[in-house]
Amino acid sequence: MNAEISEEEFDLKRYKRSPNFTIIYTNNVNFAFTGVDVQMICSRTIASMDENTEAVEEVATIIMTPQHAKAVLHALQGNLQTYESNYGEIKMPQVEPQTKEQQILASASRRKKK
């Protein structure tokens, strides 16, 4: 029997949410990688400790193969192009690049937590 189902019904049968599903907000992402994976370390700014320093809370790390990371890159590029077509250009603030010392301190902090 070949019962026809709508596309919406198909999606409901194909995709299920894990009981552990969660939504994470991030406004800062750092990357790390090995020869076999790419890591996206997601965090958010939670408060200013003083005028020159921001406190950052790590909220999740996403680990994937380099091939999947490249597929995500292409999907994100396409979706951002669609977003800008609908809502206008996304303006980027001027961001100071991290110094080597800041990168080392951030990396050391992550290693301590493990």
PDB file of N, CA and C in Angstrom:
ATOM      1  N   MET A   1       0.847  -1.171   0.000  1.00  0.00           N
ATOM      2  CA  MET A   1       0.000   0.000   0.000  1.00  0.00           C
ATOM      3  C   MET A   1       0.890   1.231   0.000  1.00  0.00           C
ATOM      4  N   ASN A   2       0.604   2.169  -0.871  1.00  0.00           N
ATOM      5  CA  ASN A   2       1.409   3.378  -1.001  1.00  0.00           C
ATOM      6  C   ASN A   2       0.583   4.573  -0.538  1.00  0.00           C
ATOM      7  N   ALA A   3       0.581   4.795   0.755  1.00  0.00           N
ATOM      8  CA  ALA A   3      -0.204   5.905   1.304  1.00  0.00           C
ATOM      9  C   ALA A   3       0.545   7.205   1.070  1.00  0.00           C
ATOM     10  N   GLU A   4      -0.170   8.211   0.594  1.00  0.00           N
ATOM     11  CA  GLU A   4       0.452   9.504   0.377  1.00  0.00           C
ATOM     12  C   GLU A   4       0.392  10.326   1.652  1.00  0.00           C
ATOM     13  N   ILE A   5       1.518  10.965   1.968  1.00  0.00           N
ATOM     14  CA  ILE A   5       1.561  11.851   3.131  1.00  0.00           C
ATOM     15  C   ILE A   5       2.089  13.205   2.682  1.00  0.00           C
ATOM     16  N   SER A   6       1.656  14.234   3.382  1.00  0.00           N
ATOM     17  CA  SER A   6       2.098  15.576   3.017  1.00  0.00           C
ATOM     18  C   SER A   6       3.566  15.768   3.413  1.00  0.00           C
ATOM     19  N   GLU A   7       4.184  16.792   2.837  1.00  0.00           N
ATOM     20  CA  GLU A   7       5.580  17.107   3.160  1.00  0.00           C
ATOM     21  C   GLU A   7       5.728  17.427   4.644  1.00  0.00           C
ATOM     22  N   GLU A   8       4.744  18.128   5.212  1.00  0.00           N
ATOM     23  CA  GLU A   8       4.777  18.477   6.630  1.00  0.00           C
ATOM     24  C   GLU A   8       4.739  17.213   7.498  1.00  0.00           C
ATOM     25  N   GLU A   9       3.869  16.264   7.138  1.00  0.00           N
ATOM     26  CA  GLU A   9       3.797  15.013   7.887  1.00  0.00           C
ATOM     27  C   GLU A   9       5.095  14.225   7.752  1.00  0.00           C
ATOM     28  N   PHE A  10       5.705  14.248   6.564  1.00  0.00           N
ATOM     29  CA  PHE A  10       6.973  13.557   6.340  1.00  0.00           C
ATOM     30  C   PHE A  10       8.045  14.125   7.262  1.00  0.00           C
ATOM     31  N   ASP A  11       8.135  15.458   7.340  1.00  0.00           N
ATOM     32  CA  ASP A  11       9.129  16.092   8.197  1.00  0.00           C
ATOM     33  C   ASP A  11       8.927  15.712   9.660  1.00  0.00           C
ATOM     34  N   LEU A  12       7.659  15.624  10.104  1.00  0.00           N
ATOM     35  CA  LEU A  12       7.391  15.256  11.485  1.00  0.00           C
ATOM     36  C   LEU A  12       7.825  13.824  11.768  1.00  0.00           C
ATOM     37  N   LYS A  13       7.703  12.939  10.786  1.00  0.00           N
ATOM     38  CA  LYS A  13       8.108  11.557  10.976  1.00  0.00           C
ATOM     39  C   LYS A  13       9.623  11.403  10.873  1.00  0.00           C
ATOM     40  N   ARG A  14      10.260  12.243  10.102  1.00  0.00           N
ATOM     41  CA  ARG A  14      11.702  12.122   9.846  1.00  0.00           C
ATOM     42  C   ARG A  14      12.547  12.779  10.929  1.00  0.00           C
ATOM     43  N   TYR A  15      12.102  13.888  11.471  1.00  0.00           N
ATOM     44  CA  TYR A  15      12.874  14.638  12.451  1.00  0.00           C
ATOM     45  C   TYR A  15      12.215  14.562  13.814  1.00  0.00           C
ATOM     46  N   LYS A  16      12.960  14.137  14.779  1.00  0.00           N
ATOM     47  CA  LYS A  16      12.471  14.069  16.154  1.00  0.00           C
ATOM     48  C   LYS A  16      13.435  14.854  17.029  1.00  0.00           C
ATOM     49  N   ARG A  17      12.910  15.556  18.017  1.00  0.00           N
ATOM     50  CA  ARG A  17      13.750  16.273  18.978  1.00  0.00           C
ATOM     51  C   ARG A  17      14.183  15.330  20.079  1.00  0.00           C
ATOM     52  N   SER A  18      15.446  15.400  20.402  1.00  0.00           N
ATOM     53  CA  SER A  18      15.982  14.637  21.519  1.00  0.00           C
ATOM     54  C   SER A  18      15.374  15.153  22.822  1.00  0.00           C
ATOM     55  N   PRO A  19      15.220  14.298  23.806  1.00  0.00           N
ATOM     56  CA  PRO A  19      14.769  14.785  25.121  1.00  0.00           C
ATOM     57  C   PRO A  19      15.776  15.764  25.728  1.00  0.00           C
ATOM     58  N   ASN A  20      17.015  15.724  25.252  1.00  0.00           N
ATOM     59  CA  ASN A  20      18.065  16.620  25.746  1.00  0.00           C
ATOM     60  C   ASN A  20      18.204  17.889  24.914  1.00  0.00           C
ATOM     61  N   PHE A  21      17.290  18.104  23.977  1.00  0.00           N
ATOM     62  CA  PHE A  21      17.358  19.277  23.109  1.00  0.00           C
ATOM     63  C   PHE A  21      17.395  20.555  23.945  1.00  0.00           C
ATOM     64  N   THR A  22      18.252  21.493  23.537  1.00  0.00           N
ATOM     65  CA  THR A  22      18.337  22.774  24.228  1.00  0.00           C
ATOM     66  C   THR A  22      18.668  23.873  23.225  1.00  0.00           C
ATOM     67  N   ILE A  23      18.237  25.064  23.520  1.00  0.00           N
ATOM     68  CA  ILE A  23      18.572  26.231  22.700  1.00  0.00           C
ATOM     69  C   ILE A  23      19.669  26.996  23.432  1.00  0.00           C
ATOM     70  N   ILE A  24      20.705  27.359  22.700  1.00  0.00           N
ATOM     71  CA  ILE A  24      21.842  28.055  23.295  1.00  0.00           C
ATOM     72  C   ILE A  24      22.020  29.387  22.577  1.00  0.00           C
ATOM     73  N   TYR A  25      22.149  30.465  23.353  1.00  0.00           N
ATOM     74  CA  TYR A  25      22.465  31.772  22.780  1.00  0.00           C
ATOM     75  C   TYR A  25      23.962  31.983  22.915  1.00  0.00           C
ATOM     76  N   THR A  26      24.595  32.433  21.848  1.00  0.00           N
ATOM     77  CA  THR A  26      26.015  32.744  21.886  1.00  0.00           C
ATOM     78  C   THR A  26      26.265  34.038  21.140  1.00  0.00           C
ATOM     79  N   ASN A  27      27.167  34.854  21.662  1.00  0.00           N
ATOM     80  CA  ASN A  27      27.571  36.055  20.935  1.00  0.00           C
ATOM     81  C   ASN A  27      29.088  36.100  20.770  1.00  0.00           C
ATOM     82  N   ASN A  28      29.716  34.942  20.979  1.00  0.00           N
ATOM     83  CA  ASN A  28      31.157  34.826  20.813  1.00  0.00           C
ATOM     84  C   ASN A  28      31.482  33.371  20.495  1.00  0.00           C
ATOM     85  N   VAL A  29      32.253  33.136  19.445  1.00  0.00           N
ATOM     86  CA  VAL A  29      32.636  31.777  19.081  1.00  0.00           C
ATOM     87  C   VAL A  29      34.136  31.752  18.820  1.00  0.00           C
ATOM     88  N   ASN A  30      34.816  30.812  19.454  1.00  0.00           N
ATOM     89  CA  ASN A  30      36.227  30.560  19.185  1.00  0.00           C
ATOM     90  C   ASN A  30      36.330  29.193  18.534  1.00  0.00           C
ATOM     91  N   PHE A  31      37.392  28.985  17.785  1.00  0.00           N
ATOM     92  CA  PHE A  31      37.570  27.721  17.083  1.00  0.00           C
ATOM     93  C   PHE A  31      38.856  27.046  17.516  1.00  0.00           C
ATOM     94  N   ALA A  32      38.820  25.734  17.560  1.00  0.00           N
ATOM     95  CA  ALA A  32      40.000  24.907  17.789  1.00  0.00           C
ATOM     96  C   ALA A  32      39.868  23.713  16.851  1.00  0.00           C
ATOM     97  N   PHE A  33      40.974  23.093  16.529  1.00  0.00           N
ATOM     98  CA  PHE A  33      40.879  21.941  15.643  1.00  0.00           C
ATOM     99  C   PHE A  33      42.046  20.997  15.853  1.00  0.00           C
ATOM    100  N   THR A  34      41.809  19.761  15.470  1.00  0.00           N
ATOM    101  CA  THR A  34      42.851  18.739  15.411  1.00  0.00           C
ATOM    102  C   THR A  34      42.856  18.250  13.973  1.00  0.00           C
ATOM    103  N   GLY A  35      43.594  17.203  13.705  1.00  0.00           N
ATOM    104  CA  GLY A  35      43.611  16.648  12.357  1.00  0.00           C
ATOM    105  C   GLY A  35      42.318  15.972  11.973  1.00  0.00           C
ATOM    106  N   VAL A  36      41.457  15.685  12.959  1.00  0.00           N
ATOM    107  CA  VAL A  36      40.237  14.928  12.668  1.00  0.00           C
ATOM    108  C   VAL A  36      38.947  15.640  13.041  1.00  0.00           C
ATOM    109  N   ASP A  37      39.030  16.797  13.723  1.00  0.00           N
ATOM    110  CA  ASP A  37      37.797  17.491  14.060  1.00  0.00           C
ATOM    111  C   ASP A  37      37.987  18.997  14.143  1.00  0.00           C
ATOM    112  N   VAL A  38      36.852  19.684  14.066  1.00  0.00           N
ATOM    113  CA  VAL A  38      36.782  21.134  14.226  1.00  0.00           C
ATOM    114  C   VAL A  38      35.879  21.385  15.423  1.00  0.00           C
ATOM    115  N   GLN A  39      36.320  22.270  16.312  1.00  0.00           N
ATOM    116  CA  GLN A  39      35.533  22.576  17.504  1.00  0.00           C
ATOM    117  C   GLN A  39      35.115  24.036  17.469  1.00  0.00           C
ATOM    118  N   MET A  40      33.841  24.267  17.728  1.00  0.00           N
ATOM    119  CA  MET A  40      33.312  25.623  17.888  1.00  0.00           C
ATOM    120  C   MET A  40      33.002  25.795  19.362  1.00  0.00           C
ATOM    121  N   ILE A  41      33.758  26.655  20.043  1.00  0.00           N
ATOM    122  CA  ILE A  41      33.555  26.896  21.457  1.00  0.00           C
ATOM    123  C   ILE A  41      32.667  28.124  21.582  1.00  0.00           C
ATOM    124  N   CYS A  42      31.425  27.914  21.969  1.00  0.00           N
ATOM    125  CA  CYS A  42      30.418  28.974  22.022  1.00  0.00           C
ATOM    126  C   CYS A  42      30.367  29.563  23.429  1.00  0.00           C
ATOM    127  N   SER A  43      30.346  30.887  23.489  1.00  0.00           N
ATOM    128  CA  SER A  43      30.267  31.560  24.784  1.00  0.00           C
ATOM    129  C   SER A  43      29.443  32.827  24.625  1.00  0.00           C
ATOM    130  N   ARG A  44      29.210  33.487  25.753  1.00  0.00           N
ATOM    131  CA  ARG A  44      28.492  34.756  25.706  1.00  0.00           C
ATOM    132  C   ARG A  44      29.103  35.702  26.728  1.00  0.00           C
ATOM    133  N   THR A  45      29.065  36.963  26.387  1.00  0.00           N
ATOM    134  CA  THR A  45      29.529  37.994  27.298  1.00  0.00           C
ATOM    135  C   THR A  45      28.472  38.151  28.377  1.00  0.00           C
ATOM    136  N   ILE A  46      28.894  38.074  29.647  1.00  0.00           N
ATOM    137  CA  ILE A  46      27.903  38.129  30.715  1.00  0.00           C
ATOM    138  C   ILE A  46      27.979  39.407  31.540  1.00  0.00           C
ATOM    139  N   ALA A  47      29.139  40.051  31.571  1.00  0.00           N
ATOM    140  CA  ALA A  47      29.258  41.293  32.344  1.00  0.00           C
ATOM    141  C   ALA A  47      30.620  41.907  32.079  1.00  0.00           C
ATOM    142  N   SER A  48      30.738  43.179  32.340  1.00  0.00           N
ATOM    143  CA  SER A  48      32.034  43.837  32.273  1.00  0.00           C
ATOM    144  C   SER A  48      32.663  43.815  33.652  1.00  0.00           C
ATOM    145  N   MET A  49      33.848  43.235  33.745  1.00  0.00           N
ATOM    146  CA  MET A  49      34.542  43.190  35.028  1.00  0.00           C
ATOM    147  C   MET A  49      35.157  44.556  35.343  1.00  0.00           C
ATOM    148  N   ASP A  50      35.601  45.244  34.323  1.00  0.00           N
ATOM    149  CA  ASP A  50      36.072  46.624  34.432  1.00  0.00           C
ATOM    150  C   ASP A  50      35.954  47.241  33.049  1.00  0.00           C
ATOM    151  N   GLU A  51      36.457  48.426  32.862  1.00  0.00           N
ATOM    152  CA  GLU A  51      36.284  49.126  31.587  1.00  0.00           C
ATOM    153  C   GLU A  51      36.955  48.433  30.413  1.00  0.00           C
ATOM    154  N   ASN A  52      38.024  47.676  30.661  1.00  0.00           N
ATOM    155  CA  ASN A  52      38.807  47.096  29.570  1.00  0.00           C
ATOM    156  C   ASN A  52      38.627  45.588  29.396  1.00  0.00           C
ATOM    157  N   THR A  53      37.853  44.952  30.274  1.00  0.00           N
ATOM    158  CA  THR A  53      37.741  43.501  30.242  1.00  0.00           C
ATOM    159  C   THR A  53      36.281  43.087  30.277  1.00  0.00           C
ATOM    160  N   GLU A  54      35.943  42.083  29.479  1.00  0.00           N
ATOM    161  CA  GLU A  54      34.599  41.520  29.513  1.00  0.00           C
ATOM    162  C   GLU A  54      34.666  40.116  30.088  1.00  0.00           C
ATOM    163  N   ALA A  55      33.689  39.763  30.891  1.00  0.00           N
ATOM    164  CA  ALA A  55      33.586  38.396  31.405  1.00  0.00           C
ATOM    165  C   ALA A  55      32.864  37.558  30.363  1.00  0.00           C
ATOM    166  N   VAL A  56      33.358  36.369  30.129  1.00  0.00           N
ATOM    167  CA  VAL A  56      32.782  35.489  29.127  1.00  0.00           C
ATOM    168  C   VAL A  56      32.464  34.148  29.769  1.00  0.00           C
ATOM    169  N   GLU A  57      31.269  33.650  29.490  1.00  0.00           N
ATOM    170  CA  GLU A  57      30.833  32.350  30.003  1.00  0.00           C
ATOM    171  C   GLU A  57      30.724  31.385  28.831  1.00  0.00           C
ATOM    172  N   GLU A  58      31.474  30.274  28.885  1.00  0.00           N
ATOM    173  CA  GLU A  58      31.352  29.263  27.841  1.00  0.00           C
ATOM    174  C   GLU A  58      30.057  28.500  28.060  1.00  0.00           C
ATOM    175  N   VAL A  59      29.290  28.311  26.979  1.00  0.00           N
ATOM    176  CA  VAL A  59      27.987  27.662  27.108  1.00  0.00           C
ATOM    177  C   VAL A  59      27.916  26.313  26.388  1.00  0.00           C
ATOM    178  N   ALA A  60      28.761  26.104  25.386  1.00  0.00           N
ATOM    179  CA  ALA A  60      28.722  24.827  24.665  1.00  0.00           C
ATOM    180  C   ALA A  60      29.927  24.719  23.740  1.00  0.00           C
ATOM    181  N   THR A  61      30.314  23.491  23.450  1.00  0.00           N
ATOM    182  CA  THR A  61      31.315  23.221  22.428  1.00  0.00           C
ATOM    183  C   THR A  61      30.681  22.270  21.425  1.00  0.00           C
ATOM    184  N   ILE A  62      30.760  22.637  20.163  1.00  0.00           N
ATOM    185  CA  ILE A  62      30.237  21.798  19.085  1.00  0.00           C
ATOM    186  C   ILE A  62      31.438  21.206  18.361  1.00  0.00           C
ATOM    187  N   ILE A  63      31.479  19.893  18.251  1.00  0.00           N
ATOM    188  CA  ILE A  63      32.598  19.201  17.605  1.00  0.00           C
ATOM    189  C   ILE A  63      32.071  18.479  16.379  1.00  0.00           C
ATOM    190  N   MET A  64      32.763  18.663  15.248  1.00  0.00           N
ATOM    191  CA  MET A  64      32.340  18.007  14.010  1.00  0.00           C
ATOM    192  C   MET A  64      33.550  17.691  13.144  1.00  0.00           C
ATOM    193  N   THR A  65      33.340  16.866  12.139  1.00  0.00           N
ATOM    194  CA  THR A  65      34.418  16.559  11.208  1.00  0.00           C
ATOM    195  C   THR A  65      34.712  17.792  10.359  1.00  0.00           C
ATOM    196  N   PRO A  66      35.920  17.893   9.810  1.00  0.00           N
ATOM    197  CA  PRO A  66      36.214  19.022   8.916  1.00  0.00           C
ATOM    198  C   PRO A  66      35.260  19.072   7.718  1.00  0.00           C
ATOM    199  N   GLN A  67      34.858  17.920   7.216  1.00  0.00           N
ATOM    200  CA  GLN A  67      33.941  17.882   6.075  1.00  0.00           C
ATOM    201  C   GLN A  67      32.582  18.467   6.461  1.00  0.00           C
ATOM    202  N   HIS A  68      32.103  18.108   7.635  1.00  0.00           N
ATOM    203  CA  HIS A  68      30.809  18.643   8.071  1.00  0.00           C
ATOM    204  C   HIS A  68      30.934  20.140   8.356  1.00  0.00           C
ATOM    205  N   ALA A  69      32.065  20.561   8.922  1.00  0.00           N
ATOM    206  CA  ALA A  69      32.268  21.993   9.181  1.00  0.00           C
ATOM    207  C   ALA A  69      32.205  22.781   7.871  1.00  0.00           C
ATOM    208  N   LYS A  70      32.789  22.228   6.810  1.00  0.00           N
ATOM    209  CA  LYS A  70      32.748  22.909   5.513  1.00  0.00           C
ATOM    210  C   LYS A  70      31.323  22.944   4.966  1.00  0.00           C
ATOM    211  N   ALA A  71      30.568  21.875   5.165  1.00  0.00           N
ATOM    212  CA  ALA A  71      29.166  21.860   4.735  1.00  0.00           C
ATOM    213  C   ALA A  71      28.364  22.901   5.518  1.00  0.00           C
ATOM    214  N   VAL A  72      28.625  23.036   6.820  1.00  0.00           N
ATOM    215  CA  VAL A  72      27.956  24.043   7.639  1.00  0.00           C
ATOM    216  C   VAL A  72      28.307  25.440   7.137  1.00  0.00           C
ATOM    217  N   LEU A  73      29.579  25.658   6.801  1.00  0.00           N
ATOM    218  CA  LEU A  73      30.018  26.947   6.257  1.00  0.00           C
ATOM    219  C   LEU A  73      29.216  27.317   5.010  1.00  0.00           C
ATOM    220  N   HIS A  74      29.083  26.387   4.088  1.00  0.00           N
ATOM    221  CA  HIS A  74      28.333  26.660   2.844  1.00  0.00           C
ATOM    222  C   HIS A  74      26.859  26.923   3.137  1.00  0.00           C
ATOM    223  N   ALA A  75      26.277  26.138   4.044  1.00  0.00           N
ATOM    224  CA  ALA A  75      24.870  26.343   4.395  1.00  0.00           C
ATOM    225  C   ALA A  75      24.672  27.693   5.067  1.00  0.00           C
ATOM    226  N   LEU A  76      25.584  28.063   5.948  1.00  0.00           N
ATOM    227  CA  LEU A  76      25.482  29.349   6.638  1.00  0.00           C
ATOM    228  C   LEU A  76      25.636  30.509   5.653  1.00  0.00           C
ATOM    229  N   GLN A  77      26.578  30.396   4.729  1.00  0.00           N
ATOM    230  CA  GLN A  77      26.743  31.452   3.714  1.00  0.00           C
ATOM    231  C   GLN A  77      25.468  31.648   2.917  1.00  0.00           C
ATOM    232  N   GLY A  78      24.883  30.556   2.468  1.00  0.00           N
ATOM    233  CA  GLY A  78      23.653  30.650   1.685  1.00  0.00           C
ATOM    234  C   GLY A  78      22.504  31.245   2.491  1.00  0.00           C
ATOM    235  N   ASN A  79      22.380  30.824   3.739  1.00  0.00           N
ATOM    236  CA  ASN A  79      21.307  31.353   4.582  1.00  0.00           C
ATOM    237  C   ASN A  79      21.512  32.819   4.927  1.00  0.00           C
ATOM    238  N   LEU A  80      22.756  33.242   5.127  1.00  0.00           N
ATOM    239  CA  LEU A  80      23.007  34.664   5.400  1.00  0.00           C
ATOM    240  C   LEU A  80      22.733  35.518   4.165  1.00  0.00           C
ATOM    241  N   GLN A  81      23.020  34.990   2.983  1.00  0.00           N
ATOM    242  CA  GLN A  81      22.679  35.722   1.760  1.00  0.00           C
ATOM    243  C   GLN A  81      21.169  35.907   1.661  1.00  0.00           C
ATOM    244  N   THR A  82      20.420  34.866   1.969  1.00  0.00           N
ATOM    245  CA  THR A  82      18.960  34.961   1.969  1.00  0.00           C
ATOM    246  C   THR A  82      18.486  35.969   3.011  1.00  0.00           C
ATOM    247  N   TYR A  83      19.070  35.914   4.203  1.00  0.00           N
ATOM    248  CA  TYR A  83      18.715  36.850   5.268  1.00  0.00           C
ATOM    249  C   TYR A  83      18.934  38.291   4.800  1.00  0.00           C
ATOM    250  N   GLU A  84      20.107  38.563   4.207  1.00  0.00           N
ATOM    251  CA  GLU A  84      20.412  39.923   3.755  1.00  0.00           C
ATOM    252  C   GLU A  84      19.516  40.342   2.599  1.00  0.00           C
ATOM    253  N   SER A  85      19.133  39.415   1.763  1.00  0.00           N
ATOM    254  CA  SER A  85      18.184  39.744   0.685  1.00  0.00           C
ATOM    255  C   SER A  85      16.846  40.189   1.267  1.00  0.00           C
ATOM    256  N   ASN A  86      16.436  39.562   2.350  1.00  0.00           N
ATOM    257  CA  ASN A  86      15.155  39.876   2.975  1.00  0.00           C
ATOM    258  C   ASN A  86      15.205  41.088   3.903  1.00  0.00           C
ATOM    259  N   TYR A  87      16.305  41.265   4.628  1.00  0.00           N
ATOM    260  CA  TYR A  87      16.346  42.266   5.695  1.00  0.00           C
ATOM    261  C   TYR A  87      17.423  43.337   5.524  1.00  0.00           C
ATOM    262  N   GLY A  88      18.254  43.225   4.519  1.00  0.00           N
ATOM    263  CA  GLY A  88      19.318  44.202   4.326  1.00  0.00           C
ATOM    264  C   GLY A  88      20.659  43.696   4.842  1.00  0.00           C
ATOM    265  N   GLU A  89      21.685  44.423   4.466  1.00  0.00           N
ATOM    266  CA  GLU A  89      23.055  44.022   4.812  1.00  0.00           C
ATOM    267  C   GLU A  89      23.272  43.983   6.322  1.00  0.00           C
ATOM    268  N   ILE A  90      23.967  42.968   6.759  1.00  0.00           N
ATOM    269  CA  ILE A  90      24.345  42.859   8.172  1.00  0.00           C
ATOM    270  C   ILE A  90      25.603  43.706   8.353  1.00  0.00           C
ATOM    271  N   LYS A  91      25.501  44.716   9.191  1.00  0.00           N
ATOM    272  CA  LYS A  91      26.643  45.603   9.461  1.00  0.00           C
ATOM    273  C   LYS A  91      27.513  44.973  10.537  1.00  0.00           C
ATOM    274  N   MET A  92      28.802  44.940  10.294  1.00  0.00           N
ATOM    275  CA  MET A  92      29.737  44.358  11.248  1.00  0.00           C
ATOM    276  C   MET A  92      30.451  45.462  12.020  1.00  0.00           C
ATOM    277  N   PRO A  93      30.462  45.357  13.360  1.00  0.00           N
ATOM    278  CA  PRO A  93      31.204  46.344  14.152  1.00  0.00           C
ATOM    279  C   PRO A  93      32.705  46.121  13.983  1.00  0.00           C
ATOM    280  N   GLN A  94      33.469  47.158  14.223  1.00  0.00           N
ATOM    281  CA  GLN A  94      34.919  47.012  14.211  1.00  0.00           C
ATOM    282  C   GLN A  94      35.314  46.211  15.440  1.00  0.00           C
ATOM    283  N   VAL A  95      35.989  45.097  15.244  1.00  0.00           N
ATOM    284  CA  VAL A  95      36.411  44.246  16.346  1.00  0.00           C
ATOM    285  C   VAL A  95      37.927  44.193  16.362  1.00  0.00           C
ATOM    286  N   GLU A  96      38.477  44.459  17.532  1.00  0.00           N
ATOM    287  CA  GLU A  96      39.923  44.374  17.682  1.00  0.00           C
ATOM    288  C   GLU A  96      40.336  42.908  17.682  1.00  0.00           C
ATOM    289  N   PRO A  97      41.337  42.545  16.879  1.00  0.00           N
ATOM    290  CA  PRO A  97      41.781  41.152  16.905  1.00  0.00           C
ATOM    291  C   PRO A  97      42.415  40.828  18.251  1.00  0.00           C
ATOM    292  N   GLN A  98      42.264  39.570  18.684  1.00  0.00           N
ATOM    293  CA  GLN A  98      42.876  39.139  19.931  1.00  0.00           C
ATOM    294  C   GLN A  98      44.387  39.108  19.779  1.00  0.00           C
ATOM    295  N   THR A  99      45.067  39.536  20.834  1.00  0.00           N
ATOM    296  CA  THR A  99      46.528  39.419  20.841  1.00  0.00           C
ATOM    297  C   THR A  99      46.887  37.961  21.091  1.00  0.00           C
ATOM    298  N   LYS A 100      48.105  37.587  20.795  1.00  0.00           N
ATOM    299  CA  LYS A 100      48.559  36.218  21.041  1.00  0.00           C
ATOM    300  C   LYS A 100      48.410  35.887  22.529  1.00  0.00           C
ATOM    301  N   GLU A 101      48.702  36.850  23.410  1.00  0.00           N
ATOM    302  CA  GLU A 101      48.571  36.638  24.856  1.00  0.00           C
ATOM    303  C   GLU A 101      47.117  36.341  25.230  1.00  0.00           C
ATOM    304  N   GLN A 102      46.167  37.075  24.659  1.00  0.00           N
ATOM    305  CA  GLN A 102      44.752  36.829  24.945  1.00  0.00           C
ATOM    306  C   GLN A 102      44.330  35.437  24.471  1.00  0.00           C
ATOM    307  N   GLN A 103      44.835  35.018  23.307  1.00  0.00           N
ATOM    308  CA  GLN A 103      44.511  33.692  22.790  1.00  0.00           C
ATOM    309  C   GLN A 103      45.066  32.604  23.705  1.00  0.00           C
ATOM    310  N   ILE A 104      46.288  32.790  24.195  1.00  0.00           N
ATOM    311  CA  ILE A 104      46.912  31.804  25.081  1.00  0.00           C
ATOM    312  C   ILE A 104      46.152  31.716  26.401  1.00  0.00           C
ATOM    313  N   LEU A 105      45.770  32.871  26.966  1.00  0.00           N
ATOM    314  CA  LEU A 105      45.019  32.877  28.216  1.00  0.00           C
ATOM    315  C   LEU A 105      43.672  32.188  28.053  1.00  0.00           C
ATOM    316  N   ALA A 106      42.994  32.429  26.950  1.00  0.00           N
ATOM    317  CA  ALA A 106      41.692  31.801  26.699  1.00  0.00           C
ATOM    318  C   ALA A 106      41.850  30.291  26.562  1.00  0.00           C
ATOM    319  N   SER A 107      42.884  29.874  25.852  1.00  0.00           N
ATOM    320  CA  SER A 107      43.146  28.448  25.661  1.00  0.00           C
ATOM    321  C   SER A 107      43.479  27.781  26.992  1.00  0.00           C
ATOM    322  N   ALA A 108      44.298  28.421  27.829  1.00  0.00           N
ATOM    323  CA  ALA A 108      44.659  27.876  29.141  1.00  0.00           C
ATOM    324  C   ALA A 108      43.424  27.751  30.018  1.00  0.00           C
ATOM    325  N   SER A 109      42.556  28.733  29.959  1.00  0.00           N
ATOM    326  CA  SER A 109      41.324  28.711  30.747  1.00  0.00           C
ATOM    327  C   SER A 109      40.460  27.521  30.360  1.00  0.00           C
ATOM    328  N   ARG A 110      40.361  27.251  29.056  1.00  0.00           N
ATOM    329  CA  ARG A 110      39.554  26.111  28.594  1.00  0.00           C
ATOM    330  C   ARG A 110      40.147  24.801  29.060  1.00  0.00           C
ATOM    331  N   ARG A 111      41.487  24.679  29.017  1.00  0.00           N
ATOM    332  CA  ARG A 111      42.147  23.430  29.437  1.00  0.00           C
ATOM    333  C   ARG A 111      41.939  23.181  30.930  1.00  0.00           C
ATOM    334  N   LYS A 112      41.948  24.233  31.744  1.00  0.00           N
ATOM    335  CA  LYS A 112      41.753  24.088  33.205  1.00  0.00           C
ATOM    336  C   LYS A 112      40.392  23.496  33.508  1.00  0.00           C
ATOM    337  N   LYS A 113      39.382  23.862  32.736  1.00  0.00           N
ATOM    338  CA  LYS A 113      38.012  23.422  32.992  1.00  0.00           C
ATOM    339  C   LYS A 113      37.810  21.952  32.712  1.00  0.00           C
ATOM    340  N   LYS A 114      38.688  21.344  31.900  1.00  0.00           N
ATOM    341  CA  LYS A 114      38.508  19.940  31.509  1.00  0.00           C
ATOM    342  C   LYS A 114      38.942  18.997  32.561  1.00  0.00           C
TER     343      LYS A 114
END
